[in-house]
Amino acid sequence: MSKQLVIVHARRIIRESLRALLEASGGHEVVGESADGRAAIETVERTRPQVVLMDLSLPVLNGIDTTRQLSRKCPRAKVLVLAMTSDRHHVAEALKAGAAGALWHDCSSDELLRAIEVVQTEQMYLSPGIADVVVNSYVRNPEGNGDGRLALLTNRQREVLQLLSEGRSTKQIALDLDISPKTVDTHRQDLMMKLNMFSVAELTKFAVREGLTSLDA
């Protein structure tokens, strides 16, 4: 039986390349693709794949929070993170969120296929270089890489923070999250109070630093 996968990546060319590789390898069927985190959750809930290939730098909802929601809503789908070098400090957070493994974007096709096999057997897969990063992260800073303020935020506040940092207006955020513009304003005020920040520019810098979004997402 073919292994069913969903590819979640912001860049279409990478999604197409991964699809071609997987389908040419035999025994793999790509049942869905998504370019942002929120669409990914809908796709995975609809298709129920065995493995999800996950980019961390996603628009709308970042890869860490997408993984966190998928681990709760679709626990049988194993999330395999595709990390860039710039993501190295956020890989540990993705694993805490429920990812079953992680490897570099520039890994070989053989390693990718091996990682897919491993996570399906309820084991964790980490590329050698990523394993070192994760171990160092826990040894040097077991409480996390950030300054601790991110933990003060609710899941909804994290979502609003990411959308704000991506330049979306109050009206757009309200539509994306199916809440009222007034509620969005309330979340923004709460974010500024909790984080002791007083402008969207400051919130954006914080979101990028904490891995909620990236400048090129």
N, C-alpha and C. Protein backbone atom coordinates (compact mmCIF):
# COMPACT_ATOMS: atom_id res chain seq x y z
N MET A 1 0.84 -1.19 0.00
CA MET A 1 0.00 0.00 0.00
C MET A 1 0.89 1.25 0.00
N SER A 2 0.54 2.24 -0.79
CA SER A 2 1.32 3.48 -0.88
C SER A 2 1.24 4.28 0.41
N LYS A 3 2.34 4.90 0.75
CA LYS A 3 2.35 5.82 1.89
C LYS A 3 1.78 7.15 1.44
N GLN A 4 0.83 7.66 2.18
CA GLN A 4 0.16 8.91 1.80
C GLN A 4 0.78 10.08 2.56
N LEU A 5 1.09 11.14 1.83
CA LEU A 5 1.76 12.29 2.41
C LEU A 5 1.09 13.59 2.01
N VAL A 6 1.26 14.60 2.86
CA VAL A 6 0.88 15.98 2.53
C VAL A 6 2.15 16.82 2.61
N ILE A 7 2.34 17.69 1.63
CA ILE A 7 3.51 18.57 1.59
C ILE A 7 3.06 19.98 1.98
N VAL A 8 3.71 20.55 2.99
CA VAL A 8 3.38 21.90 3.44
C VAL A 8 4.62 22.76 3.30
N HIS A 9 4.60 23.64 2.33
CA HIS A 9 5.76 24.52 2.10
C HIS A 9 5.27 25.80 1.43
N ALA A 10 5.86 26.92 1.81
CA ALA A 10 5.44 28.21 1.27
C ALA A 10 5.80 28.37 -0.20
N ARG A 11 6.84 27.67 -0.66
CA ARG A 11 7.31 27.84 -2.04
C ARG A 11 6.79 26.73 -2.95
N ARG A 12 6.11 27.15 -3.99
CA ARG A 12 5.50 26.19 -4.90
C ARG A 12 6.53 25.30 -5.58
N ILE A 13 7.67 25.87 -5.97
CA ILE A 13 8.67 25.09 -6.69
C ILE A 13 9.20 23.95 -5.82
N ILE A 14 9.30 24.17 -4.51
CA ILE A 14 9.77 23.12 -3.62
C ILE A 14 8.68 22.06 -3.44
N ARG A 15 7.43 22.49 -3.34
CA ARG A 15 6.34 21.50 -3.24
C ARG A 15 6.33 20.61 -4.48
N GLU A 16 6.49 21.23 -5.65
CA GLU A 16 6.47 20.45 -6.90
C GLU A 16 7.66 19.50 -6.97
N SER A 17 8.82 19.96 -6.51
CA SER A 17 10.01 19.11 -6.54
C SER A 17 9.86 17.92 -5.60
N LEU A 18 9.33 18.17 -4.41
CA LEU A 18 9.11 17.09 -3.46
C LEU A 18 8.09 16.09 -3.97
N ARG A 19 7.02 16.59 -4.57
CA ARG A 19 6.00 15.70 -5.14
C ARG A 19 6.61 14.80 -6.21
N ALA A 20 7.39 15.40 -7.11
CA ALA A 20 8.00 14.62 -8.19
C ALA A 20 8.94 13.55 -7.64
N LEU A 21 9.74 13.93 -6.64
CA LEU A 21 10.66 12.98 -6.03
C LEU A 21 9.92 11.82 -5.37
N LEU A 22 8.92 12.14 -4.58
CA LEU A 22 8.19 11.10 -3.85
C LEU A 22 7.44 10.16 -4.78
N GLU A 23 6.78 10.71 -5.77
CA GLU A 23 5.99 9.88 -6.66
C GLU A 23 6.87 9.04 -7.58
N ALA A 24 8.08 9.56 -7.91
CA ALA A 24 9.00 8.79 -8.74
C ALA A 24 9.66 7.66 -7.97
N SER A 25 9.72 7.80 -6.64
CA SER A 25 10.39 6.80 -5.82
C SER A 25 9.59 5.51 -5.71
N GLY A 26 8.28 5.60 -5.95
CA GLY A 26 7.42 4.42 -5.83
C GLY A 26 7.00 4.20 -4.38
N GLY A 27 5.75 3.84 -4.19
CA GLY A 27 5.27 3.57 -2.84
C GLY A 27 4.87 4.80 -2.06
N HIS A 28 4.87 5.96 -2.70
CA HIS A 28 4.48 7.20 -2.03
C HIS A 28 3.42 7.92 -2.86
N GLU A 29 2.40 8.39 -2.19
CA GLU A 29 1.32 9.13 -2.86
C GLU A 29 1.11 10.46 -2.14
N VAL A 30 1.29 11.56 -2.87
CA VAL A 30 1.05 12.89 -2.31
C VAL A 30 -0.43 13.19 -2.45
N VAL A 31 -1.13 13.25 -1.32
CA VAL A 31 -2.59 13.42 -1.35
C VAL A 31 -3.02 14.86 -1.13
N GLY A 32 -2.05 15.75 -0.89
CA GLY A 32 -2.40 17.15 -0.70
C GLY A 32 -1.18 18.03 -0.56
N GLU A 33 -1.36 19.32 -0.85
CA GLU A 33 -0.31 20.32 -0.69
C GLU A 33 -0.93 21.57 -0.07
N SER A 34 -0.11 22.30 0.69
CA SER A 34 -0.58 23.56 1.26
C SER A 34 0.59 24.53 1.32
N ALA A 35 0.28 25.83 1.16
CA ALA A 35 1.31 26.86 1.17
C ALA A 35 1.34 27.66 2.46
N ASP A 36 0.35 27.45 3.34
CA ASP A 36 0.35 28.14 4.63
C ASP A 36 -0.19 27.21 5.70
N GLY A 37 0.07 27.57 6.95
CA GLY A 37 -0.27 26.69 8.05
C GLY A 37 -1.75 26.43 8.24
N ARG A 38 -2.55 27.46 8.10
CA ARG A 38 -3.99 27.27 8.32
C ARG A 38 -4.59 26.35 7.25
N ALA A 39 -4.18 26.54 6.00
CA ALA A 39 -4.66 25.66 4.93
C ALA A 39 -4.15 24.24 5.15
N ALA A 40 -2.95 24.12 5.72
CA ALA A 40 -2.37 22.79 5.97
C ALA A 40 -3.23 21.99 6.93
N ILE A 41 -3.72 22.63 7.97
CA ILE A 41 -4.56 21.93 8.95
C ILE A 41 -5.82 21.41 8.28
N GLU A 42 -6.43 22.22 7.44
CA GLU A 42 -7.64 21.80 6.73
C GLU A 42 -7.33 20.63 5.80
N THR A 43 -6.19 20.71 5.10
CA THR A 43 -5.81 19.66 4.16
C THR A 43 -5.55 18.34 4.87
N VAL A 44 -4.83 18.39 5.98
CA VAL A 44 -4.51 17.17 6.72
C VAL A 44 -5.77 16.56 7.33
N GLU A 45 -6.64 17.40 7.86
CA GLU A 45 -7.90 16.89 8.43
C GLU A 45 -8.74 16.21 7.34
N ARG A 46 -8.69 16.74 6.13
CA ARG A 46 -9.50 16.18 5.04
C ARG A 46 -8.90 14.89 4.48
N THR A 47 -7.57 14.86 4.30
CA THR A 47 -6.94 13.74 3.61
C THR A 47 -6.40 12.65 4.53
N ARG A 48 -6.16 12.97 5.81
CA ARG A 48 -5.67 12.01 6.79
C ARG A 48 -4.43 11.25 6.29
N PRO A 49 -3.36 11.95 5.99
CA PRO A 49 -2.14 11.28 5.51
C PRO A 49 -1.39 10.60 6.65
N GLN A 50 -0.42 9.78 6.29
CA GLN A 50 0.43 9.15 7.29
C GLN A 50 1.57 10.05 7.72
N VAL A 51 2.06 10.86 6.77
CA VAL A 51 3.20 11.74 7.04
C VAL A 51 2.93 13.12 6.46
N VAL A 52 3.36 14.15 7.20
CA VAL A 52 3.27 15.54 6.74
C VAL A 52 4.68 16.12 6.67
N LEU A 53 5.10 16.56 5.50
CA LEU A 53 6.39 17.24 5.36
C LEU A 53 6.15 18.71 5.61
N MET A 54 6.79 19.26 6.65
CA MET A 54 6.44 20.57 7.17
C MET A 54 7.59 21.58 7.10
N ASP A 55 7.36 22.67 6.39
CA ASP A 55 8.26 23.82 6.42
C ASP A 55 7.95 24.62 7.69
N LEU A 56 8.98 25.18 8.33
CA LEU A 56 8.73 25.96 9.54
C LEU A 56 8.33 27.40 9.23
N SER A 57 8.85 27.96 8.15
CA SER A 57 8.60 29.37 7.84
C SER A 57 7.38 29.53 6.95
N LEU A 58 6.20 29.35 7.55
CA LEU A 58 4.95 29.42 6.81
C LEU A 58 4.21 30.72 7.10
N PRO A 59 3.53 31.27 6.10
CA PRO A 59 2.67 32.44 6.36
C PRO A 59 1.37 32.01 7.02
N VAL A 60 0.64 32.99 7.54
CA VAL A 60 -0.67 32.82 8.18
C VAL A 60 -0.57 32.10 9.53
N LEU A 61 0.00 30.88 9.52
CA LEU A 61 0.25 30.16 10.77
C LEU A 61 1.57 29.43 10.59
N ASN A 62 2.54 29.74 11.44
CA ASN A 62 3.89 29.19 11.27
C ASN A 62 3.92 27.68 11.50
N GLY A 63 5.04 27.06 11.09
CA GLY A 63 5.15 25.62 11.15
C GLY A 63 5.10 25.04 12.55
N ILE A 64 5.61 25.76 13.54
CA ILE A 64 5.58 25.26 14.92
C ILE A 64 4.15 25.20 15.42
N ASP A 65 3.39 26.27 15.26
CA ASP A 65 2.00 26.27 15.75
C ASP A 65 1.12 25.35 14.91
N THR A 66 1.43 25.22 13.61
CA THR A 66 0.69 24.27 12.78
C THR A 66 0.92 22.85 13.27
N THR A 67 2.17 22.53 13.58
CA THR A 67 2.50 21.21 14.11
C THR A 67 1.79 20.96 15.43
N ARG A 68 1.76 21.98 16.29
CA ARG A 68 1.10 21.84 17.58
C ARG A 68 -0.39 21.50 17.41
N GLN A 69 -1.05 22.19 16.48
CA GLN A 69 -2.47 21.92 16.27
C GLN A 69 -2.70 20.55 15.62
N LEU A 70 -1.82 20.17 14.69
CA LEU A 70 -1.97 18.86 14.04
C LEU A 70 -1.75 17.71 15.02
N SER A 71 -0.82 17.91 15.96
CA SER A 71 -0.55 16.84 16.93
C SER A 71 -1.77 16.59 17.81
N ARG A 72 -2.60 17.62 17.96
CA ARG A 72 -3.82 17.48 18.75
C ARG A 72 -4.99 16.98 17.92
N LYS A 73 -5.13 17.53 16.70
CA LYS A 73 -6.28 17.19 15.87
C LYS A 73 -6.10 15.93 15.04
N CYS A 74 -4.87 15.67 14.60
CA CYS A 74 -4.59 14.52 13.74
C CYS A 74 -3.34 13.80 14.24
N PRO A 75 -3.38 13.21 15.42
CA PRO A 75 -2.19 12.62 16.04
C PRO A 75 -1.57 11.48 15.25
N ARG A 76 -2.32 10.84 14.38
CA ARG A 76 -1.75 9.73 13.60
C ARG A 76 -0.88 10.21 12.45
N ALA A 77 -1.01 11.46 12.07
CA ALA A 77 -0.18 12.02 11.00
C ALA A 77 1.18 12.44 11.58
N LYS A 78 2.25 11.83 11.12
CA LYS A 78 3.58 12.12 11.63
C LYS A 78 4.16 13.34 10.90
N VAL A 79 4.50 14.36 11.66
CA VAL A 79 5.05 15.58 11.07
C VAL A 79 6.57 15.47 11.00
N LEU A 80 7.09 15.64 9.79
CA LEU A 80 8.52 15.61 9.55
C LEU A 80 8.94 17.00 9.09
N VAL A 81 9.71 17.68 9.92
CA VAL A 81 10.08 19.08 9.67
C VAL A 81 11.23 19.17 8.67
N LEU A 82 11.09 20.08 7.72
CA LEU A 82 12.18 20.41 6.78
C LEU A 82 12.74 21.75 7.23
N ALA A 83 13.94 21.75 7.80
CA ALA A 83 14.49 22.94 8.43
C ALA A 83 15.57 23.60 7.58
N MET A 84 15.54 24.93 7.57
CA MET A 84 16.62 25.71 6.98
C MET A 84 17.64 25.98 8.08
N THR A 85 18.86 26.37 7.68
CA THR A 85 19.88 26.69 8.67
C THR A 85 19.39 27.79 9.61
N SER A 86 18.62 28.74 9.06
CA SER A 86 18.11 29.84 9.88
C SER A 86 17.06 29.37 10.89
N ASP A 87 16.55 28.15 10.71
CA ASP A 87 15.55 27.59 11.63
C ASP A 87 16.18 26.84 12.79
N ARG A 88 17.50 26.74 12.82
CA ARG A 88 18.16 25.82 13.74
C ARG A 88 17.75 26.00 15.20
N HIS A 89 17.48 27.25 15.60
CA HIS A 89 17.12 27.49 16.99
C HIS A 89 15.65 27.22 17.28
N HIS A 90 14.88 26.89 16.23
CA HIS A 90 13.45 26.65 16.42
C HIS A 90 13.08 25.17 16.24
N VAL A 91 14.05 24.35 15.85
CA VAL A 91 13.75 22.94 15.64
C VAL A 91 13.31 22.28 16.94
N ALA A 92 13.98 22.59 18.03
CA ALA A 92 13.60 22.00 19.32
C ALA A 92 12.16 22.35 19.68
N GLU A 93 11.73 23.58 19.37
CA GLU A 93 10.35 23.97 19.65
C GLU A 93 9.37 23.17 18.80
N ALA A 94 9.75 22.88 17.55
CA ALA A 94 8.89 22.07 16.69
C ALA A 94 8.75 20.66 17.24
N LEU A 95 9.84 20.12 17.78
CA LEU A 95 9.78 18.78 18.37
C LEU A 95 8.92 18.79 19.63
N LYS A 96 9.04 19.84 20.43
CA LYS A 96 8.18 19.96 21.61
C LYS A 96 6.71 20.06 21.20
N ALA A 97 6.46 20.67 20.05
CA ALA A 97 5.09 20.85 19.57
C ALA A 97 4.49 19.56 19.04
N GLY A 98 5.33 18.53 18.84
CA GLY A 98 4.80 17.24 18.40
C GLY A 98 5.39 16.67 17.13
N ALA A 99 6.38 17.33 16.53
CA ALA A 99 6.99 16.80 15.31
C ALA A 99 7.67 15.48 15.61
N ALA A 100 7.62 14.56 14.65
CA ALA A 100 8.22 13.24 14.82
C ALA A 100 9.66 13.19 14.34
N GLY A 101 10.11 14.25 13.68
CA GLY A 101 11.48 14.26 13.20
C GLY A 101 11.79 15.54 12.46
N ALA A 102 13.06 15.71 12.12
CA ALA A 102 13.49 16.92 11.42
C ALA A 102 14.75 16.63 10.61
N LEU A 103 14.84 17.25 9.45
CA LEU A 103 16.02 17.14 8.62
C LEU A 103 16.21 18.43 7.83
N TRP A 104 17.42 18.62 7.32
CA TRP A 104 17.71 19.86 6.60
C TRP A 104 17.05 19.87 5.23
N HIS A 105 16.76 21.06 4.74
CA HIS A 105 16.18 21.22 3.40
C HIS A 105 17.07 20.62 2.32
N ASP A 106 18.37 20.70 2.51
CA ASP A 106 19.29 20.23 1.47
C ASP A 106 19.73 18.78 1.67
N CYS A 107 18.93 18.02 2.40
CA CYS A 107 19.26 16.61 2.59
C CYS A 107 19.15 15.86 1.27
N SER A 108 19.73 14.68 1.20
CA SER A 108 19.64 13.87 -0.01
C SER A 108 18.25 13.23 -0.11
N SER A 109 17.90 12.82 -1.30
CA SER A 109 16.60 12.16 -1.49
C SER A 109 16.55 10.85 -0.71
N ASP A 110 17.69 10.15 -0.63
CA ASP A 110 17.74 8.89 0.13
C ASP A 110 17.45 9.14 1.61
N GLU A 111 18.00 10.24 2.16
CA GLU A 111 17.76 10.54 3.57
C GLU A 111 16.30 10.89 3.82
N LEU A 112 15.71 11.65 2.90
CA LEU A 112 14.29 12.01 3.06
C LEU A 112 13.42 10.76 3.08
N LEU A 113 13.65 9.85 2.15
CA LEU A 113 12.85 8.63 2.09
C LEU A 113 13.07 7.77 3.33
N ARG A 114 14.31 7.74 3.82
CA ARG A 114 14.60 6.98 5.03
C ARG A 114 13.89 7.59 6.24
N ALA A 115 13.89 8.93 6.32
CA ALA A 115 13.23 9.61 7.43
C ALA A 115 11.73 9.33 7.44
N ILE A 116 11.12 9.30 6.27
CA ILE A 116 9.69 8.99 6.17
C ILE A 116 9.41 7.59 6.70
N GLU A 117 10.28 6.64 6.34
CA GLU A 117 10.11 5.26 6.83
C GLU A 117 10.24 5.20 8.35
N VAL A 118 11.22 5.92 8.89
CA VAL A 118 11.49 5.86 10.33
C VAL A 118 10.32 6.41 11.14
N VAL A 119 9.82 7.61 10.78
CA VAL A 119 8.77 8.22 11.60
C VAL A 119 7.48 7.42 11.55
N GLN A 120 7.30 6.65 10.48
CA GLN A 120 6.09 5.82 10.40
C GLN A 120 6.13 4.63 11.35
N THR A 121 7.31 4.32 11.84
CA THR A 121 7.43 3.19 12.78
C THR A 121 7.41 3.66 14.23
N GLU A 122 6.89 4.89 14.44
CA GLU A 122 6.76 5.47 15.79
C GLU A 122 8.12 5.83 16.40
N GLN A 123 9.15 5.94 15.56
CA GLN A 123 10.46 6.38 16.03
C GLN A 123 10.69 7.82 15.60
N MET A 124 11.63 8.49 16.25
CA MET A 124 11.97 9.86 15.88
C MET A 124 13.18 9.85 14.96
N TYR A 125 13.14 10.73 13.95
CA TYR A 125 14.28 10.85 13.05
C TYR A 125 14.85 12.26 13.13
N LEU A 126 16.16 12.34 13.36
CA LEU A 126 16.86 13.63 13.34
C LEU A 126 18.11 13.50 12.50
N SER A 127 18.29 14.41 11.53
CA SER A 127 19.56 14.45 10.80
C SER A 127 20.69 14.66 11.80
N PRO A 128 21.87 14.11 11.54
CA PRO A 128 22.99 14.26 12.48
C PRO A 128 23.23 15.70 12.92
N GLY A 129 23.28 16.63 11.97
CA GLY A 129 23.51 18.03 12.32
C GLY A 129 22.41 18.62 13.17
N ILE A 130 21.18 18.22 12.89
CA ILE A 130 20.04 18.71 13.68
C ILE A 130 20.06 18.11 15.07
N ALA A 131 20.45 16.86 15.19
CA ALA A 131 20.54 16.23 16.51
C ALA A 131 21.49 17.02 17.41
N ASP A 132 22.61 17.46 16.85
CA ASP A 132 23.56 18.27 17.62
C ASP A 132 22.94 19.58 18.08
N VAL A 133 22.20 20.22 17.17
CA VAL A 133 21.55 21.49 17.50
C VAL A 133 20.56 21.31 18.63
N VAL A 134 19.76 20.25 18.56
CA VAL A 134 18.73 20.00 19.57
C VAL A 134 19.37 19.69 20.92
N VAL A 135 20.39 18.85 20.92
CA VAL A 135 21.07 18.51 22.17
C VAL A 135 21.66 19.76 22.80
N ASN A 136 22.35 20.57 22.00
CA ASN A 136 22.95 21.80 22.52
C ASN A 136 21.89 22.75 23.05
N SER A 137 20.73 22.78 22.38
CA SER A 137 19.64 23.66 22.82
C SER A 137 19.17 23.28 24.21
N TYR A 138 19.00 21.99 24.46
CA TYR A 138 18.52 21.54 25.76
C TYR A 138 19.60 21.67 26.84
N VAL A 139 20.85 21.41 26.46
CA VAL A 139 21.93 21.48 27.45
C VAL A 139 22.19 22.92 27.88
N ARG A 140 22.23 23.83 26.90
CA ARG A 140 22.57 25.21 27.20
C ARG A 140 21.40 26.02 27.71
N ASN A 141 20.19 25.66 27.27
CA ASN A 141 19.02 26.44 27.67
C ASN A 141 17.80 25.53 27.72
N PRO A 142 17.69 24.68 28.72
CA PRO A 142 16.60 23.70 28.77
C PRO A 142 15.22 24.30 28.84
N GLU A 143 15.10 25.57 29.21
CA GLU A 143 13.78 26.19 29.29
C GLU A 143 13.34 26.80 27.97
N GLY A 144 14.20 26.76 26.96
CA GLY A 144 13.83 27.31 25.67
C GLY A 144 14.82 28.35 25.22
N ASN A 145 14.75 28.73 23.95
CA ASN A 145 15.72 29.65 23.37
C ASN A 145 15.30 31.11 23.48
N GLY A 146 14.05 31.39 23.70
CA GLY A 146 13.60 32.77 23.74
C GLY A 146 13.77 33.37 25.11
N ASP A 147 13.17 34.54 25.31
CA ASP A 147 13.32 35.21 26.60
C ASP A 147 12.18 34.88 27.56
N GLY A 148 11.31 33.95 27.19
CA GLY A 148 10.26 33.50 28.08
C GLY A 148 8.91 34.18 27.87
N ARG A 149 8.91 35.31 27.18
CA ARG A 149 7.65 36.05 27.04
C ARG A 149 6.66 35.36 26.11
N LEU A 150 7.16 34.57 25.15
CA LEU A 150 6.25 33.89 24.24
C LEU A 150 5.31 32.96 24.99
N ALA A 151 5.81 32.37 26.07
CA ALA A 151 5.00 31.44 26.86
C ALA A 151 3.84 32.13 27.56
N LEU A 152 3.87 33.45 27.64
CA LEU A 152 2.80 34.20 28.28
C LEU A 152 1.56 34.31 27.39
N LEU A 153 1.74 34.03 26.10
CA LEU A 153 0.66 34.26 25.13
C LEU A 153 -0.21 33.02 24.96
N THR A 154 -1.49 33.26 24.73
CA THR A 154 -2.41 32.17 24.40
C THR A 154 -2.20 31.80 22.93
N ASN A 155 -2.75 30.66 22.53
CA ASN A 155 -2.64 30.25 21.13
C ASN A 155 -3.24 31.29 20.20
N ARG A 156 -4.37 31.87 20.59
CA ARG A 156 -5.01 32.89 19.75
C ARG A 156 -4.15 34.13 19.65
N GLN A 157 -3.54 34.52 20.74
CA GLN A 157 -2.67 35.70 20.71
C GLN A 157 -1.45 35.46 19.82
N ARG A 158 -0.93 34.24 19.82
CA ARG A 158 0.19 33.91 18.94
C ARG A 158 -0.23 34.03 17.48
N GLU A 159 -1.46 33.57 17.18
CA GLU A 159 -1.97 33.66 15.81
C GLU A 159 -2.11 35.12 15.38
N VAL A 160 -2.69 35.93 16.25
CA VAL A 160 -2.86 37.35 15.94
C VAL A 160 -1.50 38.02 15.78
N LEU A 161 -0.56 37.68 16.63
CA LEU A 161 0.78 38.26 16.55
C LEU A 161 1.43 37.95 15.21
N GLN A 162 1.33 36.70 14.75
CA GLN A 162 1.92 36.35 13.47
C GLN A 162 1.27 37.13 12.33
N LEU A 163 -0.05 37.19 12.33
CA LEU A 163 -0.75 37.89 11.24
C LEU A 163 -0.44 39.38 11.25
N LEU A 164 -0.34 39.97 12.43
CA LEU A 164 0.05 41.38 12.52
C LEU A 164 1.44 41.59 11.94
N SER A 165 2.35 40.70 12.29
CA SER A 165 3.73 40.85 11.83
C SER A 165 3.87 40.63 10.33
N GLU A 166 2.88 39.97 9.73
CA GLU A 166 2.89 39.76 8.29
C GLU A 166 2.17 40.88 7.54
N GLY A 167 1.78 41.92 8.27
CA GLY A 167 1.23 43.11 7.63
C GLY A 167 -0.25 43.08 7.36
N ARG A 168 -0.97 42.14 7.93
CA ARG A 168 -2.40 42.08 7.70
C ARG A 168 -3.14 43.14 8.53
N SER A 169 -4.20 43.66 7.95
CA SER A 169 -5.00 44.67 8.63
C SER A 169 -5.91 44.02 9.66
N THR A 170 -6.50 44.85 10.51
CA THR A 170 -7.45 44.34 11.50
C THR A 170 -8.59 43.59 10.83
N LYS A 171 -9.10 44.15 9.75
CA LYS A 171 -10.22 43.51 9.03
C LYS A 171 -9.79 42.16 8.45
N GLN A 172 -8.58 42.10 7.87
CA GLN A 172 -8.11 40.84 7.29
C GLN A 172 -7.91 39.77 8.37
N ILE A 173 -7.37 40.18 9.51
CA ILE A 173 -7.16 39.23 10.60
C ILE A 173 -8.50 38.71 11.11
N ALA A 174 -9.46 39.59 11.24
CA ALA A 174 -10.79 39.20 11.69
C ALA A 174 -11.39 38.15 10.76
N LEU A 175 -11.23 38.35 9.46
CA LEU A 175 -11.75 37.40 8.48
C LEU A 175 -11.00 36.07 8.55
N ASP A 176 -9.67 36.14 8.67
CA ASP A 176 -8.86 34.92 8.72
C ASP A 176 -9.21 34.06 9.93
N LEU A 177 -9.44 34.71 11.07
CA LEU A 177 -9.66 33.97 12.31
C LEU A 177 -11.13 33.83 12.68
N ASP A 178 -12.00 34.41 11.85
CA ASP A 178 -13.45 34.34 12.08
C ASP A 178 -13.81 34.94 13.44
N ILE A 179 -13.25 36.11 13.70
CA ILE A 179 -13.57 36.86 14.91
C ILE A 179 -13.89 38.29 14.51
N SER A 180 -14.36 39.11 15.44
CA SER A 180 -14.72 40.48 15.11
C SER A 180 -13.49 41.39 15.11
N PRO A 181 -13.51 42.48 14.36
CA PRO A 181 -12.41 43.44 14.39
C PRO A 181 -12.14 43.96 15.81
N LYS A 182 -13.21 44.11 16.60
CA LYS A 182 -13.04 44.58 17.97
C LYS A 182 -12.22 43.59 18.79
N THR A 183 -12.47 42.31 18.55
CA THR A 183 -11.71 41.28 19.27
C THR A 183 -10.25 41.31 18.86
N VAL A 184 -9.99 41.55 17.58
CA VAL A 184 -8.61 41.67 17.10
C VAL A 184 -7.91 42.82 17.82
N ASP A 185 -8.60 43.96 17.91
CA ASP A 185 -8.03 45.12 18.62
C ASP A 185 -7.71 44.78 20.07
N THR A 186 -8.61 44.04 20.70
CA THR A 186 -8.39 43.64 22.09
C THR A 186 -7.15 42.76 22.21
N HIS A 187 -7.00 41.81 21.28
CA HIS A 187 -5.83 40.94 21.30
C HIS A 187 -4.55 41.75 21.09
N ARG A 188 -4.60 42.73 20.19
CA ARG A 188 -3.41 43.55 19.95
C ARG A 188 -3.02 44.33 21.21
N GLN A 189 -4.01 44.89 21.88
CA GLN A 189 -3.73 45.62 23.11
C GLN A 189 -3.16 44.70 24.19
N ASP A 190 -3.72 43.48 24.29
CA ASP A 190 -3.21 42.52 25.27
C ASP A 190 -1.79 42.09 24.94
N LEU A 191 -1.49 41.93 23.64
CA LEU A 191 -0.14 41.57 23.23
C LEU A 191 0.86 42.64 23.65
N MET A 192 0.52 43.88 23.39
CA MET A 192 1.42 44.96 23.74
C MET A 192 1.64 45.06 25.24
N MET A 193 0.57 44.81 25.99
CA MET A 193 0.69 44.88 27.45
C MET A 193 1.55 43.73 27.98
N LYS A 194 1.28 42.50 27.50
CA LYS A 194 2.03 41.34 27.98
C LYS A 194 3.51 41.41 27.59
N LEU A 195 3.78 41.91 26.38
CA LEU A 195 5.15 41.92 25.88
C LEU A 195 5.88 43.23 26.16
N ASN A 196 5.14 44.18 26.74
CA ASN A 196 5.71 45.50 27.03
C ASN A 196 6.26 46.14 25.76
N MET A 197 5.46 46.11 24.72
CA MET A 197 5.81 46.70 23.42
C MET A 197 4.68 47.62 23.01
N PHE A 198 5.05 48.65 22.25
CA PHE A 198 4.05 49.69 21.99
C PHE A 198 3.89 50.05 20.52
N SER A 199 4.32 49.17 19.64
CA SER A 199 4.13 49.40 18.21
C SER A 199 4.12 48.06 17.48
N VAL A 200 3.51 48.04 16.30
CA VAL A 200 3.49 46.82 15.49
C VAL A 200 4.91 46.47 15.05
N ALA A 201 5.76 47.47 14.84
CA ALA A 201 7.15 47.21 14.45
C ALA A 201 7.87 46.40 15.52
N GLU A 202 7.65 46.75 16.78
CA GLU A 202 8.27 46.00 17.88
C GLU A 202 7.72 44.58 17.94
N LEU A 203 6.41 44.46 17.76
CA LEU A 203 5.80 43.14 17.76
C LEU A 203 6.35 42.28 16.62
N THR A 204 6.56 42.89 15.47
CA THR A 204 7.09 42.18 14.31
C THR A 204 8.49 41.66 14.57
N LYS A 205 9.35 42.50 15.14
CA LYS A 205 10.72 42.07 15.46
C LYS A 205 10.69 40.90 16.43
N PHE A 206 9.81 40.98 17.41
CA PHE A 206 9.70 39.91 18.40
C PHE A 206 9.24 38.61 17.72
N ALA A 207 8.24 38.70 16.84
CA ALA A 207 7.70 37.52 16.16
C ALA A 207 8.76 36.85 15.30
N VAL A 208 9.57 37.64 14.61
CA VAL A 208 10.64 37.08 13.78
C VAL A 208 11.69 36.41 14.66
N ARG A 209 12.08 37.08 15.73
CA ARG A 209 13.10 36.54 16.62
C ARG A 209 12.68 35.23 17.27
N GLU A 210 11.37 35.10 17.56
CA GLU A 210 10.87 33.92 18.23
C GLU A 210 10.45 32.81 17.26
N GLY A 211 10.60 33.08 15.95
CA GLY A 211 10.29 32.06 14.98
C GLY A 211 8.83 31.90 14.62
N LEU A 212 7.99 32.87 15.04
CA LEU A 212 6.57 32.81 14.68
C LEU A 212 6.37 33.12 13.20
N THR A 213 7.27 33.89 12.65
CA THR A 213 7.19 34.25 11.23
C THR A 213 8.60 34.56 10.78
N SER A 214 8.75 34.79 9.47
CA SER A 214 10.05 35.16 8.94
C SER A 214 9.86 36.32 7.98
N LEU A 215 10.91 37.04 7.69
CA LEU A 215 10.79 38.21 6.83
C LEU A 215 10.41 37.86 5.40
N ASP A 216 10.66 36.59 4.99
CA ASP A 216 10.35 36.20 3.63
C ASP A 216 9.19 35.21 3.55
N ALA A 217 8.43 35.09 4.67
CA ALA A 217 7.30 34.14 4.68
C ALA A 217 6.21 34.60 3.72
